[in-house]
């Protein structure tokens, strides 16, 4: 279930806000059944919400010019961290994303 939660975040590349809605739907369905899914869901959603905030800030900074670079770095970080999280979930470990604000505890 942890792998499915992390993998569902790739829906954001197809559906607007899918990177938040995909993991949210899976997490809400499975959080009571599996503690590992609950832990993975919280970690993933915290990261995706934090990333959304960082993207919004970068879009504002795009008017200055530096925001375009930050958007590229954030997109690359999203892909790399999500792949690492999927690999860790296959090993049975919940991945702690970097630069994450803890909204869900």
PDB file of N, CA and C in Angstrom:
ATOM      1  N   UNK A   1       0.821  -1.193   0.000  1.00  0.00           N
ATOM      2  CA  UNK A   1       0.000   0.000   0.000  1.00  0.00           C
ATOM      3  C   UNK A   1       0.868   1.262   0.000  1.00  0.00           C
ATOM      4  N   UNK A   2       1.991   1.199   0.680  1.00  0.00           N
ATOM      5  CA  UNK A   2       2.885   2.355   0.706  1.00  0.00           C
ATOM      6  C   UNK A   2       3.395   2.701  -0.682  1.00  0.00           C
ATOM      7  N   UNK A   3       3.718   1.669  -1.456  1.00  0.00           N
ATOM      8  CA  UNK A   3       4.190   1.890  -2.823  1.00  0.00           C
ATOM      9  C   UNK A   3       3.090   2.551  -3.652  1.00  0.00           C
ATOM     10  N   UNK A   4       1.860   2.092  -3.480  1.00  0.00           N
ATOM     11  CA  UNK A   4       0.741   2.657  -4.231  1.00  0.00           C
ATOM     12  C   UNK A   4       0.509   4.122  -3.864  1.00  0.00           C
ATOM     13  N   UNK A   5       0.661   4.454  -2.612  1.00  0.00           N
ATOM     14  CA  UNK A   5       0.495   5.853  -2.182  1.00  0.00           C
ATOM     15  C   UNK A   5       1.550   6.741  -2.829  1.00  0.00           C
ATOM     16  N   UNK A   6       2.796   6.296  -2.774  1.00  0.00           N
ATOM     17  CA  UNK A   6       3.864   7.095  -3.373  1.00  0.00           C
ATOM     18  C   UNK A   6       3.711   7.176  -4.891  1.00  0.00           C
ATOM     19  N   UNK A   7       3.371   6.059  -5.522  1.00  0.00           N
ATOM     20  CA  UNK A   7       3.223   6.035  -6.980  1.00  0.00           C
ATOM     21  C   UNK A   7       2.033   6.876  -7.437  1.00  0.00           C
ATOM     22  N   UNK A   8       0.995   6.972  -6.616  1.00  0.00           N
ATOM     23  CA  UNK A   8      -0.183   7.763  -6.975  1.00  0.00           C
ATOM     24  C   UNK A   8       0.152   9.243  -7.107  1.00  0.00           C
ATOM     25  N   UNK A   9       1.257   9.660  -6.520  1.00  0.00           N
ATOM     26  CA  UNK A   9       1.624  11.079  -6.613  1.00  0.00           C
ATOM     27  C   UNK A   9       2.079  11.457  -8.020  1.00  0.00           C
ATOM     28  N   UNK A  10       2.404  10.479  -8.857  1.00  0.00           N
ATOM     29  CA  UNK A  10       2.761  10.780 -10.240  1.00  0.00           C
ATOM     30  C   UNK A  10       1.543  11.195 -11.060  1.00  0.00           C
ATOM     31  N   UNK A  11       0.348  11.067 -10.502  1.00  0.00           N
ATOM     32  CA  UNK A  11      -0.868  11.502 -11.193  1.00  0.00           C
ATOM     33  C   UNK A  11      -0.850  13.009 -11.437  1.00  0.00           C
ATOM     34  N   UNK A  12      -0.037  13.715 -10.700  1.00  0.00           N
ATOM     35  CA  UNK A  12       0.069  15.162 -10.872  1.00  0.00           C
ATOM     36  C   UNK A  12       0.630  15.575 -12.210  1.00  0.00           C
ATOM     37  N   UNK A  13       1.302  14.668 -12.888  1.00  0.00           N
ATOM     38  CA  UNK A  13       1.834  14.984 -14.206  1.00  0.00           C
ATOM     39  C   UNK A  13       0.774  14.807 -15.293  1.00  0.00           C
ATOM     40  N   UNK A  14      -0.386  14.258 -14.917  1.00  0.00           N
ATOM     41  CA  UNK A  14      -1.487  14.064 -15.860  1.00  0.00           C
ATOM     42  C   UNK A  14      -2.692  14.924 -15.478  1.00  0.00           C
ATOM     43  N   UNK A  15      -3.014  14.964 -14.193  1.00  0.00           N
ATOM     44  CA  UNK A  15      -4.200  15.648 -13.686  1.00  0.00           C
ATOM     45  C   UNK A  15      -3.757  16.827 -12.810  1.00  0.00           C
ATOM     46  N   UNK A  16      -4.340  18.008 -12.995  1.00  0.00           N
ATOM     47  CA  UNK A  16      -3.999  19.135 -12.105  1.00  0.00           C
ATOM     48  C   UNK A  16      -4.294  18.778 -10.642  1.00  0.00           C
ATOM     49  N   UNK A  17      -3.359  19.063  -9.774  1.00  0.00           N
ATOM     50  CA  UNK A  17      -3.399  18.742  -8.345  1.00  0.00           C
ATOM     51  C   UNK A  17      -3.480  17.238  -8.082  1.00  0.00           C
ATOM     52  N   UNK A  18      -3.204  16.433  -9.083  1.00  0.00           N
ATOM     53  CA  UNK A  18      -3.228  14.978  -8.919  1.00  0.00           C
ATOM     54  C   UNK A  18      -2.138  14.467  -8.001  1.00  0.00           C
ATOM     55  N   UNK A  19      -1.055  15.217  -7.874  1.00  0.00           N
ATOM     56  CA  UNK A  19       0.022  14.774  -6.989  1.00  0.00           C
ATOM     57  C   UNK A  19      -0.394  14.842  -5.525  1.00  0.00           C
ATOM     58  N   UNK A  20      -1.422  15.611  -5.231  1.00  0.00           N
ATOM     59  CA  UNK A  20      -1.971  15.659  -3.872  1.00  0.00           C
ATOM     60  C   UNK A  20      -3.198  14.764  -3.774  1.00  0.00           C
ATOM     61  N   UNK A  21      -4.065  14.828  -4.782  1.00  0.00           N
ATOM     62  CA  UNK A  21      -5.316  14.073  -4.737  1.00  0.00           C
ATOM     63  C   UNK A  21      -5.109  12.564  -4.842  1.00  0.00           C
ATOM     64  N   UNK A  22      -4.164  12.117  -5.655  1.00  0.00           N
ATOM     65  CA  UNK A  22      -3.897  10.684  -5.808  1.00  0.00           C
ATOM     66  C   UNK A  22      -3.521  10.019  -4.488  1.00  0.00           C
ATOM     67  N   UNK A  23      -2.447  10.488  -3.834  1.00  0.00           N
ATOM     68  CA  UNK A  23      -2.085   9.903  -2.541  1.00  0.00           C
ATOM     69  C   UNK A  23      -3.152  10.101  -1.471  1.00  0.00           C
ATOM     70  N   UNK A  24      -3.858  11.236  -1.528  1.00  0.00           N
ATOM     71  CA  UNK A  24      -4.897  11.510  -0.535  1.00  0.00           C
ATOM     72  C   UNK A  24      -6.014  10.472  -0.616  1.00  0.00           C
ATOM     73  N   UNK A  25      -6.442  10.147  -1.815  1.00  0.00           N
ATOM     74  CA  UNK A  25      -7.515   9.170  -1.984  1.00  0.00           C
ATOM     75  C   UNK A  25      -7.092   7.798  -1.473  1.00  0.00           C
ATOM     76  N   UNK A  26      -5.895   7.357  -1.865  1.00  0.00           N
ATOM     77  CA  UNK A  26      -5.410   6.035  -1.418  1.00  0.00           C
ATOM     78  C   UNK A  26      -5.214   6.027   0.088  1.00  0.00           C
ATOM     79  N   UNK A  27      -4.655   7.107   0.630  1.00  0.00           N
ATOM     80  CA  UNK A  27      -4.408   7.189   2.076  1.00  0.00           C
ATOM     81  C   UNK A  27      -5.715   7.156   2.856  1.00  0.00           C
ATOM     82  N   UNK A  28      -6.710   7.905   2.413  1.00  0.00           N
ATOM     83  CA  UNK A  28      -7.993   7.918   3.118  1.00  0.00           C
ATOM     84  C   UNK A  28      -8.675   6.554   3.094  1.00  0.00           C
ATOM     85  N   UNK A  29      -8.482   5.798   2.012  1.00  0.00           N
ATOM     86  CA  UNK A  29      -9.104   4.481   1.918  1.00  0.00           C
ATOM     87  C   UNK A  29      -8.397   3.430   2.767  1.00  0.00           C
ATOM     88  N   UNK A  30      -7.085   3.539   2.942  1.00  0.00           N
ATOM     89  CA  UNK A  30      -6.305   2.468   3.564  1.00  0.00           C
ATOM     90  C   UNK A  30      -5.635   2.824   4.882  1.00  0.00           C
ATOM     91  N   UNK A  31      -5.789   4.038   5.377  1.00  0.00           N
ATOM     92  CA  UNK A  31      -5.056   4.451   6.580  1.00  0.00           C
ATOM     93  C   UNK A  31      -5.475   3.685   7.831  1.00  0.00           C
ATOM     94  N   UNK A  32      -6.726   3.261   7.903  1.00  0.00           N
ATOM     95  CA  UNK A  32      -7.189   2.527   9.081  1.00  0.00           C
ATOM     96  C   UNK A  32      -6.829   1.045   9.023  1.00  0.00           C
ATOM     97  N   UNK A  33      -6.620   0.523   7.829  1.00  0.00           N
ATOM     98  CA  UNK A  33      -6.310  -0.896   7.671  1.00  0.00           C
ATOM     99  C   UNK A  33      -4.832  -1.198   7.882  1.00  0.00           C
ATOM    100  N   UNK A  34      -3.973  -0.315   7.396  1.00  0.00           N
ATOM    101  CA  UNK A  34      -2.530  -0.564   7.442  1.00  0.00           C
ATOM    102  C   UNK A  34      -1.820   0.627   8.082  1.00  0.00           C
ATOM    103  N   UNK A  35      -1.095   0.404   9.147  1.00  0.00           N
ATOM    104  CA  UNK A  35      -0.354   1.476   9.805  1.00  0.00           C
ATOM    105  C   UNK A  35       0.756   2.001   8.892  1.00  0.00           C
ATOM    106  N   UNK A  36       1.370   1.089   8.130  1.00  0.00           N
ATOM    107  CA  UNK A  36       2.426   1.503   7.198  1.00  0.00           C
ATOM    108  C   UNK A  36       1.861   2.450   6.138  1.00  0.00           C
ATOM    109  N   UNK A  37       0.665   2.163   5.635  1.00  0.00           N
ATOM    110  CA  UNK A  37       0.019   3.038   4.656  1.00  0.00           C
ATOM    111  C   UNK A  37      -0.303   4.388   5.284  1.00  0.00           C
ATOM    112  N   UNK A  38      -0.699   4.395   6.539  1.00  0.00           N
ATOM    113  CA  UNK A  38      -0.976   5.649   7.238  1.00  0.00           C
ATOM    114  C   UNK A  38       0.283   6.500   7.340  1.00  0.00           C
ATOM    115  N   UNK A  39       1.378   5.877   7.710  1.00  0.00           N
ATOM    116  CA  UNK A  39       2.647   6.586   7.851  1.00  0.00           C
ATOM    117  C   UNK A  39       3.136   7.104   6.491  1.00  0.00           C
ATOM    118  N   UNK A  40       3.075   6.258   5.474  1.00  0.00           N
ATOM    119  CA  UNK A  40       3.507   6.665   4.135  1.00  0.00           C
ATOM    120  C   UNK A  40       2.625   7.776   3.581  1.00  0.00           C
ATOM    121  N   UNK A  41       1.331   7.679   3.826  1.00  0.00           N
ATOM    122  CA  UNK A  41       0.408   8.694   3.347  1.00  0.00           C
ATOM    123  C   UNK A  41       0.670  10.054   3.960  1.00  0.00           C
ATOM    124  N   UNK A  42       0.906  10.078   5.241  1.00  0.00           N
ATOM    125  CA  UNK A  42       1.207  11.349   5.912  1.00  0.00           C
ATOM    126  C   UNK A  42       2.500  11.952   5.377  1.00  0.00           C
ATOM    127  N   UNK A  43       3.534  11.114   5.228  1.00  0.00           N
ATOM    128  CA  UNK A  43       4.814  11.611   4.711  1.00  0.00           C
ATOM    129  C   UNK A  43       4.655  12.161   3.295  1.00  0.00           C
ATOM    130  N   UNK A  44       3.954  11.418   2.455  1.00  0.00           N
ATOM    131  CA  UNK A  44       3.775  11.819   1.062  1.00  0.00           C
ATOM    132  C   UNK A  44       2.950  13.101   0.958  1.00  0.00           C
ATOM    133  N   UNK A  45       1.852  13.164   1.674  1.00  0.00           N
ATOM    134  CA  UNK A  45       1.000  14.356   1.601  1.00  0.00           C
ATOM    135  C   UNK A  45       1.696  15.592   2.163  1.00  0.00           C
ATOM    136  N   UNK A  46       2.436  15.427   3.254  1.00  0.00           N
ATOM    137  CA  UNK A  46       3.198  16.557   3.792  1.00  0.00           C
ATOM    138  C   UNK A  46       4.184  17.092   2.757  1.00  0.00           C
ATOM    139  N   UNK A  47       4.864  16.179   2.064  1.00  0.00           N
ATOM    140  CA  UNK A  47       5.837  16.590   1.058  1.00  0.00           C
ATOM    141  C   UNK A  47       5.156  17.267  -0.126  1.00  0.00           C
ATOM    142  N   UNK A  48       4.068  16.682  -0.601  1.00  0.00           N
ATOM    143  CA  UNK A  48       3.395  17.235  -1.784  1.00  0.00           C
ATOM    144  C   UNK A  48       2.755  18.593  -1.490  1.00  0.00           C
ATOM    145  N   UNK A  49       2.219  18.777  -0.306  1.00  0.00           N
ATOM    146  CA  UNK A  49       1.661  20.076   0.063  1.00  0.00           C
ATOM    147  C   UNK A  49       2.786  21.102   0.214  1.00  0.00           C
ATOM    148  N   UNK A  50       3.887  20.688   0.838  1.00  0.00           N
ATOM    149  CA  UNK A  50       5.047  21.579   0.965  1.00  0.00           C
ATOM    150  C   UNK A  50       5.575  21.957  -0.413  1.00  0.00           C
ATOM    151  N   UNK A  51       5.662  20.981  -1.297  1.00  0.00           N
ATOM    152  CA  UNK A  51       6.151  21.227  -2.649  1.00  0.00           C
ATOM    153  C   UNK A  51       5.226  22.182  -3.400  1.00  0.00           C
ATOM    154  N   UNK A  52       3.929  22.042  -3.206  1.00  0.00           N
ATOM    155  CA  UNK A  52       2.962  22.940  -3.827  1.00  0.00           C
ATOM    156  C   UNK A  52       3.197  24.384  -3.370  1.00  0.00           C
ATOM    157  N   UNK A  53       3.455  24.559  -2.092  1.00  0.00           N
ATOM    158  CA  UNK A  53       3.746  25.901  -1.558  1.00  0.00           C
ATOM    159  C   UNK A  53       5.034  26.445  -2.168  1.00  0.00           C
ATOM    160  N   UNK A  54       6.061  25.593  -2.261  1.00  0.00           N
ATOM    161  CA  UNK A  54       7.330  26.031  -2.851  1.00  0.00           C
ATOM    162  C   UNK A  54       7.164  26.410  -4.322  1.00  0.00           C
ATOM    163  N   UNK A  55       6.326  25.683  -5.041  1.00  0.00           N
ATOM    164  CA  UNK A  55       6.076  25.991  -6.450  1.00  0.00           C
ATOM    165  C   UNK A  55       5.363  27.340  -6.574  1.00  0.00           C
ATOM    166  N   UNK A  56       4.398  27.586  -5.711  1.00  0.00           N
ATOM    167  CA  UNK A  56       3.691  28.876  -5.755  1.00  0.00           C
ATOM    168  C   UNK A  56       4.652  30.037  -5.494  1.00  0.00           C
ATOM    169  N   UNK A  57       5.547  29.860  -4.542  1.00  0.00           N
ATOM    170  CA  UNK A  57       6.546  30.892  -4.250  1.00  0.00           C
ATOM    171  C   UNK A  57       7.480  31.070  -5.444  1.00  0.00           C
ATOM    172  N   UNK A  58       7.866  29.970  -6.072  1.00  0.00           N
ATOM    173  CA  UNK A  58       8.755  30.038  -7.233  1.00  0.00           C
ATOM    174  C   UNK A  58       8.086  30.726  -8.408  1.00  0.00           C
ATOM    175  N   UNK A  59       6.780  30.540  -8.546  1.00  0.00           N
ATOM    176  CA  UNK A  59       6.070  31.206  -9.633  1.00  0.00           C
ATOM    177  C   UNK A  59       6.063  32.721  -9.439  1.00  0.00           C
ATOM    178  N   UNK A  60       5.953  33.143  -8.192  1.00  0.00           N
ATOM    179  CA  UNK A  60       6.036  34.581  -7.908  1.00  0.00           C
ATOM    180  C   UNK A  60       7.446  35.081  -8.197  1.00  0.00           C
ATOM    181  N   UNK A  61       8.444  34.282  -7.820  1.00  0.00           N
ATOM    182  CA  UNK A  61       9.835  34.674  -8.056  1.00  0.00           C
ATOM    183  C   UNK A  61      10.222  34.591  -9.535  1.00  0.00           C
ATOM    184  N   UNK A  62       9.381  33.967 -10.343  1.00  0.00           N
ATOM    185  CA  UNK A  62       9.659  33.898 -11.781  1.00  0.00           C
ATOM    186  C   UNK A  62       9.637  35.282 -12.413  1.00  0.00           C
ATOM    187  N   UNK A  63       8.915  36.197 -11.812  1.00  0.00           N
ATOM    188  CA  UNK A  63       8.902  37.565 -12.321  1.00  0.00           C
ATOM    189  C   UNK A  63      10.257  38.233 -12.142  1.00  0.00           C
ATOM    190  N   UNK A  64      11.019  37.761 -11.167  1.00  0.00           N
ATOM    191  CA  UNK A  64      12.358  38.283 -10.940  1.00  0.00           C
ATOM    192  C   UNK A  64      13.371  37.540 -11.810  1.00  0.00           C
ATOM    193  N   UNK A  65      13.050  36.314 -12.162  1.00  0.00           N
ATOM    194  CA  UNK A  65      13.938  35.527 -13.018  1.00  0.00           C
ATOM    195  C   UNK A  65      14.445  34.272 -12.363  1.00  0.00           C
ATOM    196  N   UNK A  66      14.636  34.288 -11.059  1.00  0.00           N
ATOM    197  CA  UNK A  66      15.185  33.128 -10.361  1.00  0.00           C
ATOM    198  C   UNK A  66      14.155  32.014 -10.198  1.00  0.00           C
ATOM    199  N   UNK A  67      12.888  32.357 -10.305  1.00  0.00           N
ATOM    200  CA  UNK A  67      11.828  31.372 -10.111  1.00  0.00           C
ATOM    201  C   UNK A  67      11.860  30.256 -11.127  1.00  0.00           C
ATOM    202  N   UNK A  68      12.294  30.540 -12.358  1.00  0.00           N
ATOM    203  CA  UNK A  68      12.357  29.506 -13.387  1.00  0.00           C
ATOM    204  C   UNK A  68      13.358  28.420 -13.019  1.00  0.00           C
ATOM    205  N   UNK A  69      14.463  28.823 -12.452  1.00  0.00           N
ATOM    206  CA  UNK A  69      15.476  27.856 -12.013  1.00  0.00           C
ATOM    207  C   UNK A  69      14.934  27.027 -10.858  1.00  0.00           C
ATOM    208  N   UNK A  70      14.286  27.695  -9.922  1.00  0.00           N
ATOM    209  CA  UNK A  70      13.723  26.979  -8.769  1.00  0.00           C
ATOM    210  C   UNK A  70      12.643  25.991  -9.196  1.00  0.00           C
ATOM    211  N   UNK A  71      11.821  26.339 -10.179  1.00  0.00           N
ATOM    212  CA  UNK A  71      10.787  25.420 -10.663  1.00  0.00           C
ATOM    213  C   UNK A  71      11.410  24.155 -11.245  1.00  0.00           C
ATOM    214  N   UNK A  72      12.493  24.311 -11.983  1.00  0.00           N
ATOM    215  CA  UNK A  72      13.195  23.149 -12.529  1.00  0.00           C
ATOM    216  C   UNK A  72      13.782  22.280 -11.442  1.00  0.00           C
ATOM    217  N   UNK A  73      14.386  22.916 -10.450  1.00  0.00           N
ATOM    218  CA  UNK A  73      14.974  22.166  -9.326  1.00  0.00           C
ATOM    219  C   UNK A  73      13.883  21.435  -8.542  1.00  0.00           C
ATOM    220  N   UNK A  74      12.752  22.085  -8.318  1.00  0.00           N
ATOM    221  CA  UNK A  74      11.653  21.459  -7.578  1.00  0.00           C
ATOM    222  C   UNK A  74      11.059  20.281  -8.336  1.00  0.00           C
ATOM    223  N   UNK A  75      10.929  20.405  -9.655  1.00  0.00           N
ATOM    224  CA  UNK A  75      10.403  19.298 -10.457  1.00  0.00           C
ATOM    225  C   UNK A  75      11.349  18.101 -10.406  1.00  0.00           C
ATOM    226  N   UNK A  76      12.624  18.371 -10.518  1.00  0.00           N
ATOM    227  CA  UNK A  76      13.615  17.298 -10.450  1.00  0.00           C
ATOM    228  C   UNK A  76      13.632  16.647  -9.069  1.00  0.00           C
ATOM    229  N   UNK A  77      13.549  17.469  -8.029  1.00  0.00           N
ATOM    230  CA  UNK A  77      13.525  16.958  -6.661  1.00  0.00           C
ATOM    231  C   UNK A  77      12.284  16.096  -6.426  1.00  0.00           C
ATOM    232  N   UNK A  78      11.146  16.515  -6.980  1.00  0.00           N
ATOM    233  CA  UNK A  78       9.909  15.754  -6.838  1.00  0.00           C
ATOM    234  C   UNK A  78      10.059  14.360  -7.443  1.00  0.00           C
ATOM    235  N   UNK A  79      10.561  14.291  -8.645  1.00  0.00           N
ATOM    236  CA  UNK A  79      10.707  12.998  -9.318  1.00  0.00           C
ATOM    237  C   UNK A  79      11.696  12.104  -8.587  1.00  0.00           C
ATOM    238  N   UNK A  80      12.848  12.636  -8.236  1.00  0.00           N
ATOM    239  CA  UNK A  80      13.886  11.834  -7.578  1.00  0.00           C
ATOM    240  C   UNK A  80      13.418  11.347  -6.207  1.00  0.00           C
ATOM    241  N   UNK A  81      12.848  12.238  -5.413  1.00  0.00           N
ATOM    242  CA  UNK A  81      12.406  11.855  -4.067  1.00  0.00           C
ATOM    243  C   UNK A  81      11.265  10.845  -4.115  1.00  0.00           C
ATOM    244  N   UNK A  82      10.366  10.981  -5.090  1.00  0.00           N
ATOM    245  CA  UNK A  82       9.264  10.038  -5.197  1.00  0.00           C
ATOM    246  C   UNK A  82       9.775   8.654  -5.594  1.00  0.00           C
ATOM    247  N   UNK A  83      10.743   8.591  -6.490  1.00  0.00           N
ATOM    248  CA  UNK A  83      11.323   7.291  -6.867  1.00  0.00           C
ATOM    249  C   UNK A  83      12.037   6.668  -5.679  1.00  0.00           C
ATOM    250  N   UNK A  84      12.767   7.460  -4.922  1.00  0.00           N
ATOM    251  CA  UNK A  84      13.438   6.948  -3.720  1.00  0.00           C
ATOM    252  C   UNK A  84      12.407   6.439  -2.722  1.00  0.00           C
ATOM    253  N   UNK A  85      11.307   7.172  -2.551  1.00  0.00           N
ATOM    254  CA  UNK A  85      10.251   6.762  -1.620  1.00  0.00           C
ATOM    255  C   UNK A  85       9.626   5.439  -2.044  1.00  0.00           C
ATOM    256  N   UNK A  86       9.406   5.252  -3.339  1.00  0.00           N
ATOM    257  CA  UNK A  86       8.849   3.987  -3.834  1.00  0.00           C
ATOM    258  C   UNK A  86       9.805   2.836  -3.550  1.00  0.00           C
ATOM    259  N   UNK A  87      11.087   3.057  -3.766  1.00  0.00           N
ATOM    260  CA  UNK A  87      12.084   2.012  -3.501  1.00  0.00           C
ATOM    261  C   UNK A  87      12.125   1.677  -2.013  1.00  0.00           C
ATOM    262  N   UNK A  88      12.107   2.699  -1.164  1.00  0.00           N
ATOM    263  CA  UNK A  88      12.115   2.463   0.290  1.00  0.00           C
ATOM    264  C   UNK A  88      10.849   1.729   0.732  1.00  0.00           C
ATOM    265  N   UNK A  89       9.706   2.051   0.125  1.00  0.00           N
ATOM    266  CA  UNK A  89       8.451   1.390   0.501  1.00  0.00           C
ATOM    267  C   UNK A  89       8.474  -0.088   0.124  1.00  0.00           C
ATOM    268  N   UNK A  90       9.143  -0.425  -0.963  1.00  0.00           N
ATOM    269  CA  UNK A  90       9.252  -1.843  -1.319  1.00  0.00           C
ATOM    270  C   UNK A  90      10.100  -2.598  -0.303  1.00  0.00           C
ATOM    271  N   UNK A  91      10.971  -1.874   0.385  1.00  0.00           N
ATOM    272  CA  UNK A  91      11.789  -2.473   1.440  1.00  0.00           C
ATOM    273  C   UNK A  91      11.075  -2.465   2.790  1.00  0.00           C
ATOM    274  N   UNK A  92       9.887  -1.855   2.854  1.00  0.00           N
ATOM    275  CA  UNK A  92       9.120  -1.809   4.088  1.00  0.00           C
ATOM    276  C   UNK A  92       9.469  -0.653   4.996  1.00  0.00           C
ATOM    277  N   UNK A  93      10.103   0.375   4.444  1.00  0.00           N
ATOM    278  CA  UNK A  93      10.492   1.546   5.231  1.00  0.00           C
ATOM    279  C   UNK A  93       9.743   2.770   4.725  1.00  0.00           C
ATOM    280  N   UNK A  94       9.259   3.581   5.659  1.00  0.00           N
ATOM    281  CA  UNK A  94       8.590   4.837   5.287  1.00  0.00           C
ATOM    282  C   UNK A  94       9.665   5.891   5.054  1.00  0.00           C
ATOM    283  N   UNK A  95       9.616   6.541   3.917  1.00  0.00           N
ATOM    284  CA  UNK A  95      10.629   7.524   3.525  1.00  0.00           C
ATOM    285  C   UNK A  95      10.286   8.895   4.086  1.00  0.00           C
ATOM    286  N   UNK A  96      11.256   9.539   4.690  1.00  0.00           N
ATOM    287  CA  UNK A  96      11.111  10.909   5.186  1.00  0.00           C
ATOM    288  C   UNK A  96      11.659  11.846   4.111  1.00  0.00           C
ATOM    289  N   UNK A  97      10.771  12.555   3.461  1.00  0.00           N
ATOM    290  CA  UNK A  97      11.163  13.474   2.393  1.00  0.00           C
ATOM    291  C   UNK A  97      11.943  14.658   2.973  1.00  0.00           C
ATOM    292  N   UNK A  98      12.894  15.207   2.196  1.00  0.00           N
ATOM    293  CA  UNK A  98      13.603  16.414   2.653  1.00  0.00           C
ATOM    294  C   UNK A  98      12.736  17.663   2.454  1.00  0.00           C
ATOM    295  N   UNK A  99      13.037  18.713   3.183  1.00  0.00           N
ATOM    296  CA  UNK A  99      12.379  20.018   3.068  1.00  0.00           C
ATOM    297  C   UNK A  99      10.863  19.949   3.236  1.00  0.00           C
ATOM    298  N   UNK A 100      10.409  19.093   4.127  1.00  0.00           N
ATOM    299  CA  UNK A 100       8.972  18.886   4.314  1.00  0.00           C
ATOM    300  C   UNK A 100       8.472  19.626   5.545  1.00  0.00           C
ATOM    301  N   UNK A 101       7.358  20.317   5.374  1.00  0.00           N
ATOM    302  CA  UNK A 101       6.667  20.949   6.486  1.00  0.00           C
ATOM    303  C   UNK A 101       5.659  19.933   7.015  1.00  0.00           C
ATOM    304  N   UNK A 102       5.626  19.714   8.301  1.00  0.00           N
ATOM    305  CA  UNK A 102       4.723  18.703   8.903  1.00  0.00           C
ATOM    306  C   UNK A 102       3.328  19.288   9.113  1.00  0.00           C
ATOM    307  N   UNK A 103       2.452  19.075   8.148  1.00  0.00           N
ATOM    308  CA  UNK A 103       1.062  19.492   8.284  1.00  0.00           C
ATOM    309  C   UNK A 103       0.246  18.412   8.988  1.00  0.00           C
ATOM    310  N   UNK A 104       0.441  17.173   8.578  1.00  0.00           N
ATOM    311  CA  UNK A 104      -0.232  16.019   9.178  1.00  0.00           C
ATOM    312  C   UNK A 104       0.734  15.324  10.115  1.00  0.00           C
ATOM    313  N   UNK A 105       0.336  15.141  11.361  1.00  0.00           N
ATOM    314  CA  UNK A 105       1.242  14.511  12.333  1.00  0.00           C
ATOM    315  C   UNK A 105       0.748  13.172  12.737  1.00  0.00           C
TER     316      UNK A 105
END
